Amino acid sequence: MASIPYTFQIPFASKPVNSLPSLPKLSSKFLGSQKTLSWSRPSRIGPSNGSRTQCWFKFGKNGVDAEGAGIYGSQGRDDFDRDDVEQYFNYMGMLAVEGSYDKMETLLNQNIHPVDILLMLAASEGDKPKIEELLRAGAKYDVKDADGRTALERAVNEEIKDFILGFSVQKA
């Protein structure tokens, strides 16, 4: 690959600090303000003619929330894959604790759906928001791994077990 040498120069003229260059006056309010630049005037953002504006986007109950927008919690069971398991494994620091991907690979090679594997991992970490997201997506808490343990049996404490069972009953 050939490179073309070039020189970039910035013209710089020394002027006293108290003098500001004169700015061009714009003929359209849309393009900018016709007022001159000044250090004493506060900057105004928004309409300058006193009109009111209304936003076209809505959030929350009156519009689209994160779940409805497909950002969080709107995934279905089949929207999760092996990459999601690996990303969660890394994100939660399990690789640092385990020292290898062996635990994750063992789960992935057992013909268990990735969303159910994620639920097992989230239960073992006590990650309530992730557990809720996965249960909403259709994860099953009674799927067994090679050792015969379910997400409930992998739960870090009784509070997480009760959360999983309570959410599952509430969802039904």
Protein backbone atom coordinates (compact mmCIF):
# COMPACT_ATOMS: atom_id res chain seq x y z
CA MET A 1 0.00 0.00 0.00
CA ALA A 2 1.44 3.38 -0.93
CA SER A 3 1.28 6.32 1.40
CA ILE A 4 1.06 9.93 0.35
CA PRO A 5 2.95 12.39 2.54
CA TYR A 6 1.16 15.59 3.42
CA THR A 7 1.59 18.56 5.72
CA PHE A 8 -1.24 19.97 7.79
CA GLN A 9 -0.83 23.57 8.91
CA ILE A 10 -3.10 25.56 11.17
CA PRO A 11 -2.87 29.29 10.65
CA PHE A 12 -2.58 31.05 13.99
CA ALA A 13 -2.54 34.77 14.47
CA SER A 14 -1.83 36.33 17.82
CA LYS A 15 -4.58 38.76 18.90
CA PRO A 16 -5.33 40.41 22.20
CA VAL A 17 -7.51 38.29 24.52
CA ASN A 18 -10.24 40.90 24.88
CA SER A 19 -11.06 41.12 21.17
CA LEU A 20 -13.32 38.52 19.60
CA PRO A 21 -13.58 37.93 15.86
CA SER A 22 -16.77 39.15 14.30
CA LEU A 23 -19.11 36.27 13.49
CA PRO A 24 -21.18 36.20 10.33
CA LYS A 25 -24.82 37.07 10.79
CA LEU A 26 -27.17 34.34 9.66
CA SER A 27 -30.38 35.25 7.92
CA SER A 28 -32.41 32.34 9.22
CA LYS A 29 -33.33 31.68 12.87
CA PHE A 30 -33.24 27.99 11.97
CA LEU A 31 -29.55 28.19 11.16
CA GLY A 32 -28.62 30.16 14.25
CA SER A 33 -29.19 33.25 16.26
CA GLN A 34 -28.77 36.75 14.82
CA LYS A 35 -27.44 37.98 18.14
CA THR A 36 -23.75 38.64 18.47
CA LEU A 37 -21.52 36.51 20.61
CA SER A 38 -21.15 37.81 24.14
CA TRP A 39 -19.67 36.47 27.36
CA SER A 40 -22.33 38.04 29.58
CA ARG A 41 -25.48 36.54 28.06
CA PRO A 42 -26.58 33.04 29.09
CA SER A 43 -27.09 30.51 26.36
CA ARG A 44 -30.70 29.61 25.62
CA ILE A 45 -31.65 26.22 24.32
CA GLY A 46 -34.99 25.62 22.69
CA PRO A 47 -37.50 27.84 20.93
CA SER A 48 -36.64 31.53 21.23
CA ASN A 49 -40.01 32.94 20.16
CA GLY A 50 -41.99 31.82 23.21
CA SER A 51 -43.65 28.88 21.46
CA ARG A 52 -44.08 25.56 23.21
CA THR A 53 -42.98 22.25 21.79
CA GLN A 54 -44.25 18.74 22.28
CA CYS A 55 -42.02 15.70 22.04
CA TRP A 56 -43.10 12.98 19.64
CA PHE A 57 -41.62 10.14 21.67
CA LYS A 58 -43.16 8.67 24.81
CA PHE A 59 -41.74 6.52 27.57
CA GLY A 60 -43.26 4.31 30.26
CA LYS A 61 -46.94 3.45 30.51
CA ASN A 62 -48.04 6.02 27.92
CA GLY A 63 -45.58 4.93 25.28
CA VAL A 64 -43.00 2.26 24.79
CA ASP A 65 -41.07 0.98 27.76
CA ALA A 66 -37.76 -0.89 27.56
CA GLU A 67 -39.52 -4.23 27.35
CA GLY A 68 -41.88 -3.10 24.60
CA ALA A 69 -39.01 -1.55 22.68
CA GLY A 70 -37.15 -4.86 22.64
CA ILE A 71 -34.32 -3.57 24.78
CA TYR A 72 -34.73 -5.55 27.98
CA GLY A 73 -36.96 -8.38 28.98
CA SER A 74 -38.72 -8.83 25.66
CA GLN A 75 -36.60 -11.78 24.55
CA GLY A 76 -38.18 -15.16 24.17
CA ARG A 77 -36.74 -18.54 25.02
CA ASP A 78 -35.18 -19.06 21.59
CA ASP A 79 -33.57 -15.61 21.54
CA PHE A 80 -30.82 -16.87 23.86
CA ASP A 81 -27.86 -18.83 22.50
CA ARG A 82 -24.41 -20.17 23.43
CA ASP A 83 -22.85 -16.72 23.10
CA ASP A 84 -25.18 -15.36 25.78
CA VAL A 85 -24.01 -18.09 28.15
CA GLU A 86 -20.36 -17.25 27.51
CA GLN A 87 -20.97 -13.51 27.88
CA TYR A 88 -22.78 -14.00 31.20
CA PHE A 89 -20.07 -16.40 32.39
CA ASN A 90 -17.45 -13.74 31.70
CA TYR A 91 -19.53 -10.80 32.94
CA MET A 92 -20.19 -12.38 36.32
CA GLY A 93 -16.52 -13.18 36.78
CA MET A 94 -17.05 -16.93 36.72
CA LEU A 95 -14.08 -17.43 34.43
CA ALA A 96 -11.86 -15.70 36.98
CA VAL A 97 -13.21 -17.90 39.78
CA GLU A 98 -13.25 -21.18 37.85
CA GLY A 99 -10.03 -20.56 35.96
CA SER A 100 -11.36 -22.12 32.76
CA TYR A 101 -14.47 -22.52 30.64
CA ASP A 102 -14.81 -26.20 31.62
CA LYS A 103 -17.90 -25.70 33.80
CA MET A 104 -19.63 -23.69 31.07
CA GLU A 105 -18.64 -26.10 28.28
CA THR A 106 -19.87 -29.06 30.34
CA LEU A 107 -23.29 -27.42 30.69
CA LEU A 108 -23.43 -26.47 27.02
CA ASN A 109 -22.58 -30.02 25.93
CA GLN A 110 -25.45 -31.57 27.94
CA ASN A 111 -28.20 -30.74 25.47
CA ILE A 112 -29.69 -28.13 27.81
CA HIS A 113 -31.20 -25.02 26.27
CA PRO A 114 -28.97 -21.93 26.78
CA VAL A 115 -31.73 -20.01 28.59
CA ASP A 116 -31.99 -22.83 31.16
CA ILE A 117 -28.20 -22.84 31.59
CA LEU A 118 -28.28 -19.10 32.15
CA LEU A 119 -30.96 -19.58 34.81
CA MET A 120 -28.78 -22.15 36.59
CA LEU A 121 -25.82 -19.77 36.53
CA ALA A 122 -27.87 -16.75 37.64
CA ALA A 123 -29.38 -18.77 40.50
CA SER A 124 -25.92 -19.83 41.65
CA GLU A 125 -24.88 -16.14 41.63
CA GLY A 126 -28.07 -14.83 43.27
CA ASP A 127 -28.68 -12.45 40.35
CA LYS A 128 -32.38 -11.56 40.82
CA PRO A 129 -32.77 -9.20 37.83
CA LYS A 130 -31.28 -11.81 35.48
CA ILE A 131 -33.40 -14.57 37.03
CA GLU A 132 -36.53 -12.50 36.47
CA GLU A 133 -35.54 -11.73 32.87
CA LEU A 134 -34.87 -15.41 32.15
CA LEU A 135 -38.09 -16.64 33.75
CA ARG A 136 -40.05 -14.08 31.71
CA ALA A 137 -38.30 -15.41 28.60
CA GLY A 138 -39.49 -18.95 29.38
CA ALA A 139 -36.57 -20.51 31.24
CA LYS A 140 -37.45 -23.65 33.16
CA TYR A 141 -36.21 -23.91 36.72
CA ASP A 142 -36.68 -27.69 36.95
CA VAL A 143 -34.26 -28.66 34.14
CA LYS A 144 -31.50 -30.90 35.50
CA ASP A 145 -27.80 -30.80 34.69
CA ALA A 146 -25.50 -33.86 34.47
CA ASP A 147 -25.28 -33.94 38.27
CA GLY A 148 -29.07 -33.95 38.55
CA ARG A 149 -29.21 -30.43 39.99
CA THR A 150 -31.78 -27.84 38.98
CA ALA A 151 -31.63 -24.05 39.14
CA LEU A 152 -33.46 -24.29 42.48
CA GLU A 153 -30.82 -26.63 43.86
CA ARG A 154 -28.05 -24.39 42.57
CA ALA A 155 -29.60 -21.29 44.18
CA VAL A 156 -27.18 -19.49 46.46
CA ASN A 157 -29.70 -19.21 49.32
CA GLU A 158 -33.34 -19.71 50.33
CA GLU A 159 -34.26 -16.17 49.33
CA ILE A 160 -33.31 -16.91 45.70
CA LYS A 161 -35.20 -20.22 45.77
CA ASP A 162 -38.31 -18.44 47.07
CA PHE A 163 -37.87 -15.73 44.43
CA ILE A 164 -37.73 -18.30 41.62
CA LEU A 165 -40.73 -20.23 42.92
CA GLY A 166 -42.70 -17.08 43.68
CA PHE A 167 -42.07 -15.60 40.27
CA SER A 168 -42.97 -18.86 38.54
CA VAL A 169 -46.26 -19.12 40.48
CA GLN A 170 -47.01 -15.45 39.85
CA LYS A 171 -46.38 -15.91 36.10
CA ALA A 172 -48.70 -18.91 35.84
